[in-house]
C-alpha atoms as a PDB file:
ATOM      1  CA  GLU A   1      84.594  30.131 -12.205  1.00  0.00           C
ATOM      2  CA  ALA A   2      80.702  30.453 -12.075  1.00  0.00           C
ATOM      3  CA  LEU A   3      80.169  27.549 -14.468  1.00  0.00           C
ATOM      4  CA  LYS A   4      81.428  25.499 -12.218  1.00  0.00           C
ATOM      5  CA  LEU A   5      79.766  25.933  -8.876  1.00  0.00           C
ATOM      6  CA  GLU A   6      76.520  23.907  -8.136  1.00  0.00           C
ATOM      7  CA  PRO A   7      73.854  23.498  -8.791  1.00  0.00           C
ATOM      8  CA  ALA A   8      73.843  23.165 -12.828  1.00  0.00           C
ATOM      9  CA  LEU A   9      71.674  24.597 -14.741  1.00  0.00           C
ATOM     10  CA  GLU A  10      68.696  22.238 -15.106  1.00  0.00           C
ATOM     11  CA  ALA A  11      66.661  21.356 -18.466  1.00  0.00           C
ATOM     12  CA  GLY A  12      65.002  24.110 -19.875  1.00  0.00           C
ATOM     13  CA  GLU A  13      66.583  26.419 -17.673  1.00  0.00           C
ATOM     14  CA  ILE A  14      68.676  29.622 -19.226  1.00  0.00           C
ATOM     15  CA  ALA A  15      71.072  31.976 -17.010  1.00  0.00           C
ATOM     16  CA  PHE A  16      72.178  36.020 -18.005  1.00  0.00           C
ATOM     17  CA  ALA A  17      74.698  36.624 -15.525  1.00  0.00           C
ATOM     18  CA  VAL A  18      75.413  35.691 -11.822  1.00  0.00           C
ATOM     19  CA  GLY A  19      74.576  37.442  -8.342  1.00  0.00           C
ATOM     20  CA  GLY A  20      74.457  36.279  -5.169  1.00  0.00           C
ATOM     21  CA  ASP A  21      76.547  36.071  -2.174  1.00  0.00           C
ATOM     22  CA  ASP A  22      78.708  33.877  -4.145  1.00  0.00           C
ATOM     23  CA  LEU A  23      78.355  34.702  -7.699  1.00  0.00           C
ATOM     24  CA  ARG A  24      76.166  31.458  -8.681  1.00  0.00           C
ATOM     25  CA  LEU A  25      74.287  31.689 -12.238  1.00  0.00           C
ATOM     26  CA  LEU A  26      71.131  32.792 -11.547  1.00  0.00           C
ATOM     27  CA  PRO A  27      68.524  30.153 -13.462  1.00  0.00           C
ATOM     28  CA  VAL A  28      65.415  31.377 -15.655  1.00  0.00           C
ATOM     29  CA  SER A  29      62.974  28.786 -16.815  1.00  0.00           C
ATOM     30  CA  LEU A  30      61.377  30.036 -20.020  1.00  0.00           C
ATOM     31  CA  GLU A  31      58.486  27.645 -19.593  1.00  0.00           C
ATOM     32  CA  ASP A  32      58.227  29.304 -16.068  1.00  0.00           C
ATOM     33  CA  ILE A  33      58.186  32.431 -17.090  1.00  0.00           C
ATOM     34  CA  GLY A  34      55.949  32.711 -20.177  1.00  0.00           C
ATOM     35  CA  ASN A  35      58.105  31.567 -22.729  1.00  0.00           C
ATOM     36  CA  ALA A  36      59.935  35.300 -23.356  1.00  0.00           C
ATOM     37  CA  PHE A  37      62.764  37.493 -21.659  1.00  0.00           C
ATOM     38  CA  LEU A  38      63.632  41.467 -22.262  1.00  0.00           C
ATOM     39  CA  VAL A  39      67.181  42.093 -22.029  1.00  0.00           C
ATOM     40  CA  THR A  40      67.448  46.034 -21.744  1.00  0.00           C
ATOM     41  CA  GLY A  41      69.609  48.892 -21.244  1.00  0.00           C
ATOM     42  CA  PRO A  42      71.216  52.245 -22.631  1.00  0.00           C
ATOM     43  CA  ARG A  43      73.336  51.769 -25.511  1.00  0.00           C
ATOM     44  CA  ARG A  44      76.708  50.237 -24.800  1.00  0.00           C
ATOM     45  CA  SER A  45      75.307  48.556 -22.104  1.00  0.00           C
ATOM     46  CA  GLY A  46      76.321  44.877 -23.041  1.00  0.00           C
ATOM     47  CA  ARG A  47      73.160  43.752 -23.819  1.00  0.00           C
ATOM     48  CA  SER A  48      74.170  41.408 -26.518  1.00  0.00           C
ATOM     49  CA  THR A  49      77.141  40.379 -24.454  1.00  0.00           C
ATOM     50  CA  ALA A  50      74.405  39.228 -21.951  1.00  0.00           C
ATOM     51  CA  LEU A  51      72.132  37.276 -24.836  1.00  0.00           C
ATOM     52  CA  HIS A  52      75.789  35.879 -26.002  1.00  0.00           C
ATOM     53  CA  PHE A  53      76.147  34.504 -22.446  1.00  0.00           C
ATOM     54  CA  ALA A  54      72.733  32.913 -22.225  1.00  0.00           C
ATOM     55  CA  THR A  55      72.824  31.556 -25.527  1.00  0.00           C
ATOM     56  CA  SER A  56      75.940  30.105 -24.685  1.00  0.00           C
ATOM     57  CA  ARG A  57      74.679  27.953 -21.852  1.00  0.00           C
ATOM     58  CA  LEU A  58      71.435  27.203 -23.987  1.00  0.00           C
ATOM     59  CA  LEU A  59      73.917  25.493 -26.468  1.00  0.00           C
ATOM     60  CA  GLU A  60      75.880  23.617 -23.891  1.00  0.00           C
ATOM     61  CA  ALA A  61      72.627  21.848 -22.767  1.00  0.00           C
ATOM     62  CA  GLY A  62      71.755  21.075 -26.327  1.00  0.00           C
ATOM     63  CA  GLN A  63      69.041  23.661 -26.697  1.00  0.00           C
ATOM     64  CA  ARG A  64      67.620  24.800 -30.429  1.00  0.00           C
ATOM     65  CA  ILE A  65      68.911  27.992 -31.440  1.00  0.00           C
ATOM     66  CA  VAL A  66      68.174  30.248 -34.201  1.00  0.00           C
ATOM     67  CA  LEU A  67      69.095  33.893 -34.091  1.00  0.00           C
ATOM     68  CA  VAL A  68      67.414  37.002 -35.561  1.00  0.00           C
ATOM     69  CA  LEU A  69      70.360  39.877 -35.870  1.00  0.00           C
ATOM     70  CA  PRO A  70      69.863  43.020 -37.375  1.00  0.00           C
ATOM     71  CA  ARG A  71      73.167  44.251 -37.124  1.00  0.00           C
ATOM     72  CA  LYS A  72      76.817  42.915 -36.389  1.00  0.00           C
ATOM     73  CA  SER A  73      76.790  40.877 -33.483  1.00  0.00           C
ATOM     74  CA  PRO A  74      78.876  38.676 -31.371  1.00  0.00           C
ATOM     75  CA  LEU A  75      75.970  36.012 -31.359  1.00  0.00           C
ATOM     76  CA  ASN A  76      77.537  33.457 -34.167  1.00  0.00           C
ATOM     77  CA  PRO A  77      77.518  30.721 -32.303  1.00  0.00           C
ATOM     78  CA  SER A  78      76.646  26.574 -33.555  1.00  0.00           C
ATOM     79  CA  VAL A  79      73.235  27.307 -34.595  1.00  0.00           C
ATOM     80  CA  LEU A  80      70.507  26.236 -36.587  1.00  0.00           C
ATOM     81  CA  GLY A  81      70.381  29.042 -38.530  1.00  0.00           C
ATOM     82  CA  VAL A  82      71.234  33.189 -37.917  1.00  0.00           C
ATOM     83  CA  LEU A  83      68.511  35.836 -40.240  1.00  0.00           C
ATOM     84  CA  GLY A  84      69.115  39.189 -41.034  1.00  0.00           C
ATOM     85  CA  MET A  85      67.088  42.214 -41.763  1.00  0.00           C
ATOM     86  CA  ASP A  86      66.600  40.791 -45.548  1.00  0.00           C
ATOM     87  CA  ALA A  87      65.222  37.801 -44.128  1.00  0.00           C
ATOM     88  CA  GLY A  88      61.380  36.784 -44.338  1.00  0.00           C
ATOM     89  CA  PRO A  89      58.442  35.485 -42.002  1.00  0.00           C
ATOM     90  CA  GLY A  90      58.970  31.919 -44.552  1.00  0.00           C
ATOM     91  CA  ASP A  91      62.806  31.621 -43.918  1.00  0.00           C
ATOM     92  CA  LEU A  92      62.258  31.378 -40.248  1.00  0.00           C
ATOM     93  CA  SER A  93      59.680  28.978 -40.144  1.00  0.00           C
ATOM     94  CA  ARG A  94      61.523  27.027 -42.249  1.00  0.00           C
ATOM     95  CA  LEU A  95      64.280  26.840 -39.991  1.00  0.00           C
ATOM     96  CA  LEU A  96      61.157  26.330 -37.257  1.00  0.00           C
ATOM     97  CA  GLU A  97      59.924  23.258 -39.031  1.00  0.00           C
ATOM     98  CA  GLU A  98      61.335  20.480 -36.479  1.00  0.00           C
ATOM     99  CA  ASP A  99      61.095  20.697 -32.862  1.00  0.00           C
ATOM    100  CA  VAL A 100      59.281  24.267 -32.630  1.00  0.00           C
ATOM    101  CA  GLU A 101      58.333  23.825 -29.234  1.00  0.00           C
ATOM    102  CA  ASN A 102      61.811  23.364 -28.004  1.00  0.00           C
ATOM    103  CA  THR A 103      63.435  26.003 -30.289  1.00  0.00           C
ATOM    104  CA  VAL A 104      64.530  29.410 -28.741  1.00  0.00           C
ATOM    105  CA  ILE A 105      64.771  32.612 -31.069  1.00  0.00           C
ATOM    106  CA  VAL A 106      67.401  35.109 -30.379  1.00  0.00           C
ATOM    107  CA  VAL A 107      66.854  38.487 -31.201  1.00  0.00           C
ATOM    108  CA  ASP A 108      69.889  41.122 -30.785  1.00  0.00           C
ATOM    109  CA  ASP A 109      68.803  45.031 -31.763  1.00  0.00           C
ATOM    110  CA  PHE A 110      65.327  44.690 -32.008  1.00  0.00           C
ATOM    111  CA  ASP A 111      65.614  48.592 -32.235  1.00  0.00           C
ATOM    112  CA  THR A 112      66.453  47.982 -35.820  1.00  0.00           C
ATOM    113  CA  LEU A 113      64.210  45.242 -36.509  1.00  0.00           C
ATOM    114  CA  THR A 114      61.130  47.207 -35.433  1.00  0.00           C
ATOM    115  CA  ASN A 115      57.618  46.240 -35.019  1.00  0.00           C
ATOM    116  CA  ASP A 116      57.312  46.908 -38.813  1.00  0.00           C
ATOM    117  CA  HIS A 117      59.601  44.128 -40.105  1.00  0.00           C
ATOM    118  CA  SER A 118      58.134  41.063 -41.604  1.00  0.00           C
ATOM    119  CA  MET A 119      59.500  38.522 -39.049  1.00  0.00           C
ATOM    120  CA  ASN A 120      57.784  40.235 -35.873  1.00  0.00           C
ATOM    121  CA  PRO A 121      54.586  38.783 -36.183  1.00  0.00           C
ATOM    122  CA  ARG A 122      56.721  35.069 -36.734  1.00  0.00           C
ATOM    123  CA  ILE A 123      58.323  35.731 -33.619  1.00  0.00           C
ATOM    124  CA  GLU A 124      55.807  36.559 -31.595  1.00  0.00           C
ATOM    125  CA  GLU A 125      53.548  33.569 -32.952  1.00  0.00           C
ATOM    126  CA  HIS A 126      56.644  31.537 -31.490  1.00  0.00           C
ATOM    127  CA  ILE A 127      56.015  32.875 -28.151  1.00  0.00           C
ATOM    128  CA  LYS A 128      52.703  31.427 -28.053  1.00  0.00           C
ATOM    129  CA  ALA A 129      53.339  27.982 -29.847  1.00  0.00           C
ATOM    130  CA  CYS A 130      56.325  27.413 -26.957  1.00  0.00           C
ATOM    131  CA  ARG A 131      53.607  27.535 -23.783  1.00  0.00           C
ATOM    132  CA  ASP A 132      54.454  24.323 -21.482  1.00  0.00           C
ATOM    133  CA  HIS A 133      57.576  23.721 -23.641  1.00  0.00           C
ATOM    134  CA  HIS A 134      61.169  25.152 -23.036  1.00  0.00           C
ATOM    135  CA  GLY A 135      61.470  26.784 -26.248  1.00  0.00           C
ATOM    136  CA  GLY A 136      60.726  30.858 -26.807  1.00  0.00           C
ATOM    137  CA  VAL A 137      62.297  34.053 -27.283  1.00  0.00           C
ATOM    138  CA  LEU A 138      65.059  36.296 -25.957  1.00  0.00           C
ATOM    139  CA  VAL A 139      65.400  39.871 -27.347  1.00  0.00           C
ATOM    140  CA  ALA A 140      67.153  42.549 -26.402  1.00  0.00           C
ATOM    141  CA  CYS A 141      65.742  46.078 -27.060  1.00  0.00           C
ATOM    142  CA  GLY A 142      67.448  50.095 -26.305  1.00  0.00           C
ATOM    143  CA  ILE A 143      65.353  50.684 -22.781  1.00  0.00           C
ATOM    144  CA  ASP A 144      64.945  54.139 -24.662  1.00  0.00           C
ATOM    145  CA  GLU A 145      63.493  52.430 -27.438  1.00  0.00           C
ATOM    146  CA  ILE A 146      60.815  49.906 -25.419  1.00  0.00           C
ATOM    147  CA  GLY A 147      58.355  52.900 -23.659  1.00  0.00           C
ATOM    148  CA  GLY A 148      56.975  53.256 -26.949  1.00  0.00           C
ATOM    149  CA  MET A 149      56.234  49.495 -28.498  1.00  0.00           C
ATOM    150  CA  TYR A 150      52.990  48.575 -27.332  1.00  0.00           C
ATOM    151  CA  ARG A 151      52.431  45.452 -29.423  1.00  0.00           C
ATOM    152  CA  GLY A 152      54.688  43.062 -31.010  1.00  0.00           C
ATOM    153  CA  VAL A 153      57.813  41.028 -29.955  1.00  0.00           C
ATOM    154  CA  VAL A 154      59.125  43.509 -27.010  1.00  0.00           C
ATOM    155  CA  ALA A 155      55.334  44.008 -25.249  1.00  0.00           C
ATOM    156  CA  THR A 156      54.732  40.519 -25.314  1.00  0.00           C
ATOM    157  CA  ALA A 157      58.234  39.649 -23.614  1.00  0.00           C
ATOM    158  CA  ARG A 158      57.402  42.880 -20.853  1.00  0.00           C
ATOM    159  CA  LYS A 159      54.095  40.767 -20.034  1.00  0.00           C
ATOM    160  CA  THR A 160      56.216  38.167 -18.005  1.00  0.00           C
ATOM    161  CA  ARG A 161      57.580  40.816 -15.764  1.00  0.00           C
ATOM    162  CA  THR A 162      61.178  39.451 -16.217  1.00  0.00           C
ATOM    163  CA  GLY A 163      63.965  40.614 -17.619  1.00  0.00           C
ATOM    164  CA  LEU A 164      67.351  42.013 -17.153  1.00  0.00           C
ATOM    165  CA  ILE A 165      68.329  45.747 -17.103  1.00  0.00           C
ATOM    166  CA  LEU A 166      71.605  46.768 -17.797  1.00  0.00           C
ATOM    167  CA  ALA A 167      72.919  49.708 -16.005  1.00  0.00           C
ATOM    168  CA  PRO A 168      69.753  50.935 -14.804  1.00  0.00           C
ATOM    169  CA  ARG A 169      69.058  54.952 -14.824  1.00  0.00           C
ATOM    170  CA  GLY A 170      67.096  55.105 -11.995  1.00  0.00           C
ATOM    171  CA  SER A 171      64.058  53.776 -10.620  1.00  0.00           C
ATOM    172  CA  ASP A 172      61.895  54.533 -13.112  1.00  0.00           C
ATOM    173  CA  ASP A 173      63.576  52.142 -15.247  1.00  0.00           C
ATOM    174  CA  GLY A 174      61.705  49.156 -13.428  1.00  0.00           C
ATOM    175  CA  SER A 175      58.560  50.751 -14.451  1.00  0.00           C
ATOM    176  CA  HIS A 176      58.735  48.685 -17.625  1.00  0.00           C
ATOM    177  CA  PHE A 177      58.886  45.735 -15.998  1.00  0.00           C
ATOM    178  CA  SER A 178      56.051  47.033 -13.332  1.00  0.00           C
ATOM    179  CA  ALA A 179      58.615  46.725 -11.155  1.00  0.00           C
ATOM    180  CA  ARG A 180      59.269  49.165  -8.329  1.00  0.00           C
ATOM    181  CA  LEU A 181      63.186  49.491  -7.858  1.00  0.00           C
ATOM    182  CA  PRO A 182      64.612  51.623  -5.415  1.00  0.00           C
ATOM    183  CA  ARG A 183      65.298  55.302  -5.625  1.00  0.00           C
ATOM    184  CA  SER A 184      68.984  54.889  -4.324  1.00  0.00           C
ATOM    185  CA  ILE A 185      69.665  52.675  -8.439  1.00  0.00           C
ATOM    186  CA  GLY A 186      71.135  55.046 -10.719  1.00  0.00           C
ATOM    187  CA  GLY A 187      74.425  56.290 -11.359  1.00  0.00           C
ATOM    188  CA  PRO A 188      77.634  54.998 -12.705  1.00  0.00           C
ATOM    189  CA  VAL A 189      78.015  51.365 -12.368  1.00  0.00           C
ATOM    190  CA  PRO A 190      80.707  48.746 -13.861  1.00  0.00           C
ATOM    191  CA  LYS A 191      80.240  46.916 -17.234  1.00  0.00           C
ATOM    192  CA  GLY A 192      77.828  44.151 -17.238  1.00  0.00           C
ATOM    193  CA  ARG A 193      76.376  45.706 -13.915  1.00  0.00           C
ATOM    194  CA  ALA A 194      72.394  45.118 -13.960  1.00  0.00           C
ATOM    195  CA  VAL A 195      69.060  44.403 -12.172  1.00  0.00           C
ATOM    196  CA  GLN A 196      67.502  41.008 -13.101  1.00  0.00           C
ATOM    197  CA  ILE A 197      63.555  41.832 -12.441  1.00  0.00           C
ATOM    198  CA  SER A 198      61.377  38.418 -11.776  1.00  0.00           C
ATOM    199  CA  THR A 199      57.376  38.548 -10.455  1.00  0.00           C
ATOM    200  CA  THR A 200      59.197  38.037  -6.709  1.00  0.00           C
ATOM    201  CA  GLY A 201      61.487  40.940  -7.029  1.00  0.00           C
ATOM    202  CA  TRP A 202      64.738  42.225  -8.399  1.00  0.00           C
ATOM    203  CA  THR A 203      68.503  41.386  -7.302  1.00  0.00           C
ATOM    204  CA  TRP A 204      71.705  42.992  -8.801  1.00  0.00           C
ATOM    205  CA  VAL A 205      73.757  41.085 -11.150  1.00  0.00           C
ATOM    206  CA  GLN A 206      76.820  40.685 -12.940  1.00  0.00           C
ATOM    207  CA  VAL A 207      76.838  39.434 -16.484  1.00  0.00           C
ATOM    208  CA  PRO A 208      80.146  37.646 -17.490  1.00  0.00           C
ATOM    209  CA  LYS A 209      82.116  37.557 -20.407  1.00  0.00           C
ATOM    210  CA  ASP A 210      82.777  34.936 -22.190  1.00  0.00           C
ATOM    211  CA  GLN A 211      86.401  33.961 -22.871  1.00  0.00           C
END
């Protein structure tokens, strides 16, 4: 129902969730935020579902997508290619040969891939290559792991101060994005409930599950 509401997403915009009084899509422009968006939260909080919803919206808009999936994931739509743990930077570069600045790399379970994987530097380079264009990187990683990542893709994505925290456990979770969340945040929430953070503030959102 949210997808039927106006305004529709514009070129270069992406949506991970719905929110507001009428549960409309909450658009994010990769070009405006720095070409990287981080989805985080505890295990089984819906990180892959959020990536799946966002990726589906991009594909509907004709966006070029490359998936990096270290583990089994629900992300398996029609894309340029799907790379696993056995892939290398050369495999990724071959998928990015055409229109690289307007291609989005979607990385699920980065806590499994880790900064030590040979593809990590190439993914990080892609964020810089997409500057002032519609491409970039969407990355999901466990919230208990991102605090110790001071370099690499996740660290670069955190610097945009824009992201999604699923099932936040307390106000301290906002510190990963240099955001101040109220002390009232925490405790059980419905599946897919999240806080979407930007440089201008935060809001409660709900990640829909595509049928």
